[in-house]
């Protein structure tokens, strides 16, 4: 009788141990899957930039592949390819203000002939953004992603979120957040110069 009770107790303990081990294994598997999913659901350097269509403050149509990509969308409107900077922002985002100031400076002084800068506002009203543009004297296009469709395609979860796309439509830089303005500015200028020169050299050798 004593042996039988001990055997039953041992079986019960083993069953409990197996149960907790199984639960723990599922937790580890879920965490691992989530980490893999998060790493996969991000655009990386070398990825093809998702194309998009949005309108600006004046209601003008903007297609990414009007400015970069293997084949331009509307060559009768624009037949030149550009290095494109896309920055997702919102008017309430303080780090976005600092990033935009640097983008504005670069756009005006450095690479205007070979560079397009597109600001994409995420889910704000036209009135709010229009006032923001006027106050800060922004001179490049500001597009409206009212329903966050483009932001989702670019896996944007925080602001600012910046992408540099080369003339072939390939992502060459991604940056989330803003820090160290001077280093950031120099980094952008260096990469823009490299991308512009690479394409120019390819065109000259054809």
C-alpha atoms as a PDB file:
ATOM      1  CA  UNK A   1       0.000   0.000   0.000  1.00  0.00           C
ATOM      2  CA  UNK A   2       2.817   2.406   0.856  1.00  0.00           C
ATOM      3  CA  UNK A   3       4.540   1.713  -2.437  1.00  0.00           C
ATOM      4  CA  UNK A   4       1.318   2.388  -4.328  1.00  0.00           C
ATOM      5  CA  UNK A   5       0.804   5.750  -2.609  1.00  0.00           C
ATOM      6  CA  UNK A   6       4.402   6.782  -3.257  1.00  0.00           C
ATOM      7  CA  UNK A   7       4.080   5.762  -6.888  1.00  0.00           C
ATOM      8  CA  UNK A   8       0.932   7.800  -7.299  1.00  0.00           C
ATOM      9  CA  UNK A   9       2.543  10.800  -5.615  1.00  0.00           C
ATOM     10  CA  UNK A  10       5.569  10.486  -7.874  1.00  0.00           C
ATOM     11  CA  UNK A  11       3.345  10.345 -10.971  1.00  0.00           C
ATOM     12  CA  UNK A  12       1.425  13.427  -9.762  1.00  0.00           C
ATOM     13  CA  UNK A  13       4.634  15.410  -9.195  1.00  0.00           C
ATOM     14  CA  UNK A  14       5.988  14.355 -12.581  1.00  0.00           C
ATOM     15  CA  UNK A  15       2.772  15.421 -14.294  1.00  0.00           C
ATOM     16  CA  UNK A  16       2.916  18.822 -12.610  1.00  0.00           C
ATOM     17  CA  UNK A  17       6.553  19.226 -13.639  1.00  0.00           C
ATOM     18  CA  UNK A  18       5.750  18.316 -17.243  1.00  0.00           C
ATOM     19  CA  UNK A  19       2.859  20.801 -17.240  1.00  0.00           C
ATOM     20  CA  UNK A  20       5.033  23.707 -16.065  1.00  0.00           C
ATOM     21  CA  UNK A  21       7.859  22.765 -18.392  1.00  0.00           C
ATOM     22  CA  UNK A  22       5.401  22.727 -21.306  1.00  0.00           C
ATOM     23  CA  UNK A  23       4.005  26.145 -20.348  1.00  0.00           C
ATOM     24  CA  UNK A  24       7.502  27.584 -19.991  1.00  0.00           C
ATOM     25  CA  UNK A  25       8.495  26.147 -23.379  1.00  0.00           C
ATOM     26  CA  UNK A  26       5.471  27.782 -25.025  1.00  0.00           C
ATOM     27  CA  UNK A  27       6.384  31.124 -23.441  1.00  0.00           C
ATOM     28  CA  UNK A  28       9.945  30.883 -24.758  1.00  0.00           C
ATOM     29  CA  UNK A  29       8.690  29.875 -28.203  1.00  0.00           C
ATOM     30  CA  UNK A  30       6.246  32.785 -28.305  1.00  0.00           C
ATOM     31  CA  UNK A  31       8.904  35.284 -27.218  1.00  0.00           C
ATOM     32  CA  UNK A  32      11.323  33.932 -29.809  1.00  0.00           C
ATOM     33  CA  UNK A  33       8.680  34.067 -32.547  1.00  0.00           C
ATOM     34  CA  UNK A  34       7.783  37.630 -31.602  1.00  0.00           C
ATOM     35  CA  UNK A  35      11.421  38.705 -31.746  1.00  0.00           C
ATOM     36  CA  UNK A  36      11.858  37.068 -35.155  1.00  0.00           C
ATOM     37  CA  UNK A  37       8.644  38.669 -36.395  1.00  0.00           C
ATOM     38  CA  UNK A  38       9.719  42.112 -35.167  1.00  0.00           C
ATOM     39  CA  UNK A  39      13.082  41.818 -36.879  1.00  0.00           C
ATOM     40  CA  UNK A  40      11.452  40.676 -40.114  1.00  0.00           C
ATOM     41  CA  UNK A  41       8.813  43.417 -40.062  1.00  0.00           C
ATOM     42  CA  UNK A  42      11.312  46.186 -40.664  1.00  0.00           C
ATOM     43  CA  UNK A  43      12.700  47.623 -43.842  1.00  0.00           C
ATOM     44  CA  UNK A  44      16.447  47.192 -44.052  1.00  0.00           C
ATOM     45  CA  UNK A  45      19.277  48.691 -46.059  1.00  0.00           C
ATOM     46  CA  UNK A  46      19.230  46.986 -49.443  1.00  0.00           C
ATOM     47  CA  UNK A  47      15.447  46.484 -49.483  1.00  0.00           C
ATOM     48  CA  UNK A  48      13.374  47.940 -52.263  1.00  0.00           C
ATOM     49  CA  UNK A  49      11.472  50.969 -50.996  1.00  0.00           C
ATOM     50  CA  UNK A  50       7.690  50.441 -51.096  1.00  0.00           C
ATOM     51  CA  UNK A  51       6.205  52.773 -53.648  1.00  0.00           C
ATOM     52  CA  UNK A  52       3.305  55.002 -52.667  1.00  0.00           C
ATOM     53  CA  UNK A  53       0.924  57.705 -53.779  1.00  0.00           C
ATOM     54  CA  UNK A  54      -0.057  60.620 -51.529  1.00  0.00           C
ATOM     55  CA  UNK A  55      -1.288  64.198 -51.867  1.00  0.00           C
ATOM     56  CA  UNK A  56       0.411  67.321 -50.558  1.00  0.00           C
ATOM     57  CA  UNK A  57      -1.051  70.384 -48.831  1.00  0.00           C
ATOM     58  CA  UNK A  58      -2.259  71.784 -52.159  1.00  0.00           C
ATOM     59  CA  UNK A  59      -3.820  68.525 -53.288  1.00  0.00           C
ATOM     60  CA  UNK A  60      -1.038  67.750 -55.768  1.00  0.00           C
ATOM     61  CA  UNK A  61      -0.328  64.081 -56.474  1.00  0.00           C
ATOM     62  CA  UNK A  62       3.008  62.616 -55.426  1.00  0.00           C
ATOM     63  CA  UNK A  63       4.257  59.188 -56.491  1.00  0.00           C
ATOM     64  CA  UNK A  64       7.559  57.954 -55.078  1.00  0.00           C
ATOM     65  CA  UNK A  65       8.420  56.354 -58.413  1.00  0.00           C
ATOM     66  CA  UNK A  66       8.134  59.724 -60.134  1.00  0.00           C
ATOM     67  CA  UNK A  67      11.574  60.408 -58.615  1.00  0.00           C
ATOM     68  CA  UNK A  68      13.346  57.078 -58.188  1.00  0.00           C
ATOM     69  CA  UNK A  69      13.123  53.417 -59.111  1.00  0.00           C
ATOM     70  CA  UNK A  70      13.977  51.177 -62.040  1.00  0.00           C
ATOM     71  CA  UNK A  71      11.374  52.895 -64.200  1.00  0.00           C
ATOM     72  CA  UNK A  72       9.894  56.342 -63.612  1.00  0.00           C
ATOM     73  CA  UNK A  73       6.113  56.373 -63.265  1.00  0.00           C
ATOM     74  CA  UNK A  74       5.424  59.571 -65.226  1.00  0.00           C
ATOM     75  CA  UNK A  75       8.504  60.462 -67.292  1.00  0.00           C
ATOM     76  CA  UNK A  76       6.532  63.075 -69.233  1.00  0.00           C
ATOM     77  CA  UNK A  77       6.303  65.050 -65.971  1.00  0.00           C
ATOM     78  CA  UNK A  78       9.787  64.261 -64.659  1.00  0.00           C
ATOM     79  CA  UNK A  79      12.473  62.309 -66.518  1.00  0.00           C
ATOM     80  CA  UNK A  80      15.251  62.696 -63.965  1.00  0.00           C
ATOM     81  CA  UNK A  81      16.004  60.362 -61.064  1.00  0.00           C
ATOM     82  CA  UNK A  82      16.819  61.672 -57.593  1.00  0.00           C
ATOM     83  CA  UNK A  83      18.146  60.562 -54.252  1.00  0.00           C
ATOM     84  CA  UNK A  84      15.024  60.713 -52.080  1.00  0.00           C
ATOM     85  CA  UNK A  85      14.783  61.381 -48.351  1.00  0.00           C
ATOM     86  CA  UNK A  86      11.505  60.408 -46.714  1.00  0.00           C
ATOM     87  CA  UNK A  87      10.844  61.560 -43.185  1.00  0.00           C
ATOM     88  CA  UNK A  88       7.727  60.500 -41.291  1.00  0.00           C
ATOM     89  CA  UNK A  89       6.756  63.153 -38.756  1.00  0.00           C
ATOM     90  CA  UNK A  90       3.999  64.819 -36.746  1.00  0.00           C
ATOM     91  CA  UNK A  91       3.621  68.437 -35.655  1.00  0.00           C
ATOM     92  CA  UNK A  92       3.577  67.458 -31.962  1.00  0.00           C
ATOM     93  CA  UNK A  93       6.883  65.555 -32.229  1.00  0.00           C
ATOM     94  CA  UNK A  94       9.727  67.697 -30.852  1.00  0.00           C
ATOM     95  CA  UNK A  95      12.595  65.552 -32.236  1.00  0.00           C
ATOM     96  CA  UNK A  96      10.900  65.842 -35.643  1.00  0.00           C
ATOM     97  CA  UNK A  97      11.358  69.635 -35.510  1.00  0.00           C
ATOM     98  CA  UNK A  98      15.114  69.272 -35.107  1.00  0.00           C
ATOM     99  CA  UNK A  99      15.384  66.723 -37.903  1.00  0.00           C
ATOM    100  CA  UNK A 100      13.323  68.889 -40.261  1.00  0.00           C
ATOM    101  CA  UNK A 101      15.583  71.890 -39.627  1.00  0.00           C
ATOM    102  CA  UNK A 102      18.597  69.881 -40.753  1.00  0.00           C
ATOM    103  CA  UNK A 103      16.752  68.490 -43.790  1.00  0.00           C
ATOM    104  CA  UNK A 104      15.714  72.014 -44.724  1.00  0.00           C
ATOM    105  CA  UNK A 105      19.302  73.236 -44.468  1.00  0.00           C
ATOM    106  CA  UNK A 106      20.647  70.391 -46.596  1.00  0.00           C
ATOM    107  CA  UNK A 107      17.899  70.821 -49.174  1.00  0.00           C
ATOM    108  CA  UNK A 108      18.600  74.526 -49.556  1.00  0.00           C
ATOM    109  CA  UNK A 109      22.385  74.557 -49.453  1.00  0.00           C
ATOM    110  CA  UNK A 110      23.818  71.211 -50.423  1.00  0.00           C
ATOM    111  CA  UNK A 111      22.108  68.932 -52.888  1.00  0.00           C
ATOM    112  CA  UNK A 112      18.975  70.517 -54.264  1.00  0.00           C
ATOM    113  CA  UNK A 113      19.676  69.494 -57.881  1.00  0.00           C
ATOM    114  CA  UNK A 114      20.054  65.806 -57.084  1.00  0.00           C
ATOM    115  CA  UNK A 115      17.882  65.508 -53.975  1.00  0.00           C
ATOM    116  CA  UNK A 116      14.186  65.278 -53.183  1.00  0.00           C
ATOM    117  CA  UNK A 117      12.962  65.555 -49.606  1.00  0.00           C
ATOM    118  CA  UNK A 118       9.443  64.362 -48.824  1.00  0.00           C
ATOM    119  CA  UNK A 119       7.950  64.900 -45.383  1.00  0.00           C
ATOM    120  CA  UNK A 120       5.083  62.559 -44.614  1.00  0.00           C
ATOM    121  CA  UNK A 121       2.708  63.672 -41.883  1.00  0.00           C
ATOM    122  CA  UNK A 122       1.100  60.779 -40.056  1.00  0.00           C
ATOM    123  CA  UNK A 123      -2.650  61.093 -39.426  1.00  0.00           C
ATOM    124  CA  UNK A 124      -3.048  64.822 -38.706  1.00  0.00           C
ATOM    125  CA  UNK A 125      -5.459  67.370 -40.163  1.00  0.00           C
ATOM    126  CA  UNK A 126      -4.570  69.629 -43.079  1.00  0.00           C
ATOM    127  CA  UNK A 127      -5.233  72.727 -40.996  1.00  0.00           C
ATOM    128  CA  UNK A 128      -2.768  71.644 -38.315  1.00  0.00           C
ATOM    129  CA  UNK A 129      -0.042  70.806 -40.828  1.00  0.00           C
ATOM    130  CA  UNK A 130      -0.641  73.899 -42.956  1.00  0.00           C
ATOM    131  CA  UNK A 131      -0.074  76.134 -39.935  1.00  0.00           C
ATOM    132  CA  UNK A 132       3.061  74.160 -39.061  1.00  0.00           C
ATOM    133  CA  UNK A 133       4.494  74.520 -42.591  1.00  0.00           C
ATOM    134  CA  UNK A 134       3.883  78.266 -42.649  1.00  0.00           C
ATOM    135  CA  UNK A 135       5.366  78.833 -39.197  1.00  0.00           C
ATOM    136  CA  UNK A 136       8.557  76.910 -39.994  1.00  0.00           C
ATOM    137  CA  UNK A 137       8.871  78.041 -43.615  1.00  0.00           C
ATOM    138  CA  UNK A 138       9.220  74.515 -44.972  1.00  0.00           C
ATOM    139  CA  UNK A 139       9.971  74.590 -48.697  1.00  0.00           C
ATOM    140  CA  UNK A 140       9.865  70.922 -49.691  1.00  0.00           C
ATOM    141  CA  UNK A 141       6.705  68.837 -50.190  1.00  0.00           C
ATOM    142  CA  UNK A 142       4.688  67.790 -47.148  1.00  0.00           C
ATOM    143  CA  UNK A 143       2.447  64.803 -47.856  1.00  0.00           C
ATOM    144  CA  UNK A 144      -0.546  63.498 -45.919  1.00  0.00           C
ATOM    145  CA  UNK A 145      -0.727  59.895 -44.775  1.00  0.00           C
ATOM    146  CA  UNK A 146      -4.199  60.322 -43.299  1.00  0.00           C
ATOM    147  CA  UNK A 147      -4.937  56.637 -42.747  1.00  0.00           C
ATOM    148  CA  UNK A 148      -1.334  55.603 -41.891  1.00  0.00           C
ATOM    149  CA  UNK A 149      -1.205  53.269 -44.891  1.00  0.00           C
ATOM    150  CA  UNK A 150       2.250  54.365 -46.036  1.00  0.00           C
ATOM    151  CA  UNK A 151       3.522  54.440 -42.449  1.00  0.00           C
ATOM    152  CA  UNK A 152       2.379  50.845 -42.025  1.00  0.00           C
ATOM    153  CA  UNK A 153       4.029  49.791 -45.294  1.00  0.00           C
ATOM    154  CA  UNK A 154       7.274  51.270 -43.982  1.00  0.00           C
ATOM    155  CA  UNK A 155       6.723  49.689 -40.522  1.00  0.00           C
ATOM    156  CA  UNK A 156       6.808  53.083 -38.812  1.00  0.00           C
ATOM    157  CA  UNK A 157       6.015  52.779 -35.105  1.00  0.00           C
ATOM    158  CA  UNK A 158       7.765  55.885 -33.734  1.00  0.00           C
ATOM    159  CA  UNK A 159       8.702  59.370 -34.939  1.00  0.00           C
ATOM    160  CA  UNK A 160      10.725  60.739 -36.548  1.00  0.00           C
ATOM    161  CA  UNK A 161      11.504  57.893 -38.906  1.00  0.00           C
ATOM    162  CA  UNK A 162      13.768  58.597 -41.850  1.00  0.00           C
ATOM    163  CA  UNK A 163      14.693  56.668 -44.991  1.00  0.00           C
ATOM    164  CA  UNK A 164      17.202  57.527 -47.701  1.00  0.00           C
ATOM    165  CA  UNK A 165      16.422  55.921 -51.049  1.00  0.00           C
ATOM    166  CA  UNK A 166      18.831  55.868 -53.968  1.00  0.00           C
ATOM    167  CA  UNK A 167      17.954  56.648 -57.571  1.00  0.00           C
ATOM    168  CA  UNK A 168      17.232  52.987 -58.264  1.00  0.00           C
ATOM    169  CA  UNK A 169      14.624  52.858 -55.480  1.00  0.00           C
ATOM    170  CA  UNK A 170      16.753  50.955 -52.948  1.00  0.00           C
ATOM    171  CA  UNK A 171      16.862  51.889 -49.271  1.00  0.00           C
ATOM    172  CA  UNK A 172      20.368  53.007 -48.336  1.00  0.00           C
ATOM    173  CA  UNK A 173      19.777  54.356 -44.842  1.00  0.00           C
ATOM    174  CA  UNK A 174      17.154  54.064 -42.109  1.00  0.00           C
ATOM    175  CA  UNK A 175      17.007  56.065 -38.889  1.00  0.00           C
ATOM    176  CA  UNK A 176      14.523  56.104 -36.030  1.00  0.00           C
ATOM    177  CA  UNK A 177      14.527  59.046 -33.636  1.00  0.00           C
ATOM    178  CA  UNK A 178      16.865  62.019 -33.576  1.00  0.00           C
ATOM    179  CA  UNK A 179      20.119  62.660 -31.736  1.00  0.00           C
ATOM    180  CA  UNK A 180      23.391  64.519 -32.268  1.00  0.00           C
ATOM    181  CA  UNK A 181      22.382  66.980 -34.966  1.00  0.00           C
ATOM    182  CA  UNK A 182      25.818  67.845 -36.368  1.00  0.00           C
ATOM    183  CA  UNK A 183      26.925  64.234 -36.822  1.00  0.00           C
ATOM    184  CA  UNK A 184      23.551  63.430 -38.371  1.00  0.00           C
ATOM    185  CA  UNK A 185      23.889  66.311 -40.823  1.00  0.00           C
ATOM    186  CA  UNK A 186      27.395  65.266 -41.880  1.00  0.00           C
ATOM    187  CA  UNK A 187      26.299  61.646 -42.234  1.00  0.00           C
ATOM    188  CA  UNK A 188      23.426  62.645 -44.510  1.00  0.00           C
ATOM    189  CA  UNK A 189      25.556  64.904 -46.687  1.00  0.00           C
ATOM    190  CA  UNK A 190      28.242  62.228 -47.076  1.00  0.00           C
ATOM    191  CA  UNK A 191      25.743  59.550 -48.111  1.00  0.00           C
ATOM    192  CA  UNK A 192      23.846  61.860 -50.483  1.00  0.00           C
ATOM    193  CA  UNK A 193      27.110  62.820 -52.181  1.00  0.00           C
ATOM    194  CA  UNK A 194      28.131  59.180 -52.543  1.00  0.00           C
ATOM    195  CA  UNK A 195      24.773  58.136 -53.996  1.00  0.00           C
ATOM    196  CA  UNK A 196      24.701  61.064 -56.414  1.00  0.00           C
ATOM    197  CA  UNK A 197      28.270  60.459 -57.607  1.00  0.00           C
ATOM    198  CA  UNK A 198      27.759  56.702 -58.035  1.00  0.00           C
ATOM    199  CA  UNK A 199      24.796  57.224 -60.341  1.00  0.00           C
ATOM    200  CA  UNK A 200      26.433  60.054 -62.262  1.00  0.00           C
ATOM    201  CA  UNK A 201      29.512  57.908 -62.922  1.00  0.00           C
ATOM    202  CA  UNK A 202      27.335  55.031 -64.131  1.00  0.00           C
ATOM    203  CA  UNK A 203      25.501  57.337 -66.529  1.00  0.00           C
ATOM    204  CA  UNK A 204      28.767  58.822 -67.850  1.00  0.00           C
ATOM    205  CA  UNK A 205      30.201  55.383 -68.644  1.00  0.00           C
ATOM    206  CA  UNK A 206      27.182  54.275 -70.698  1.00  0.00           C
END
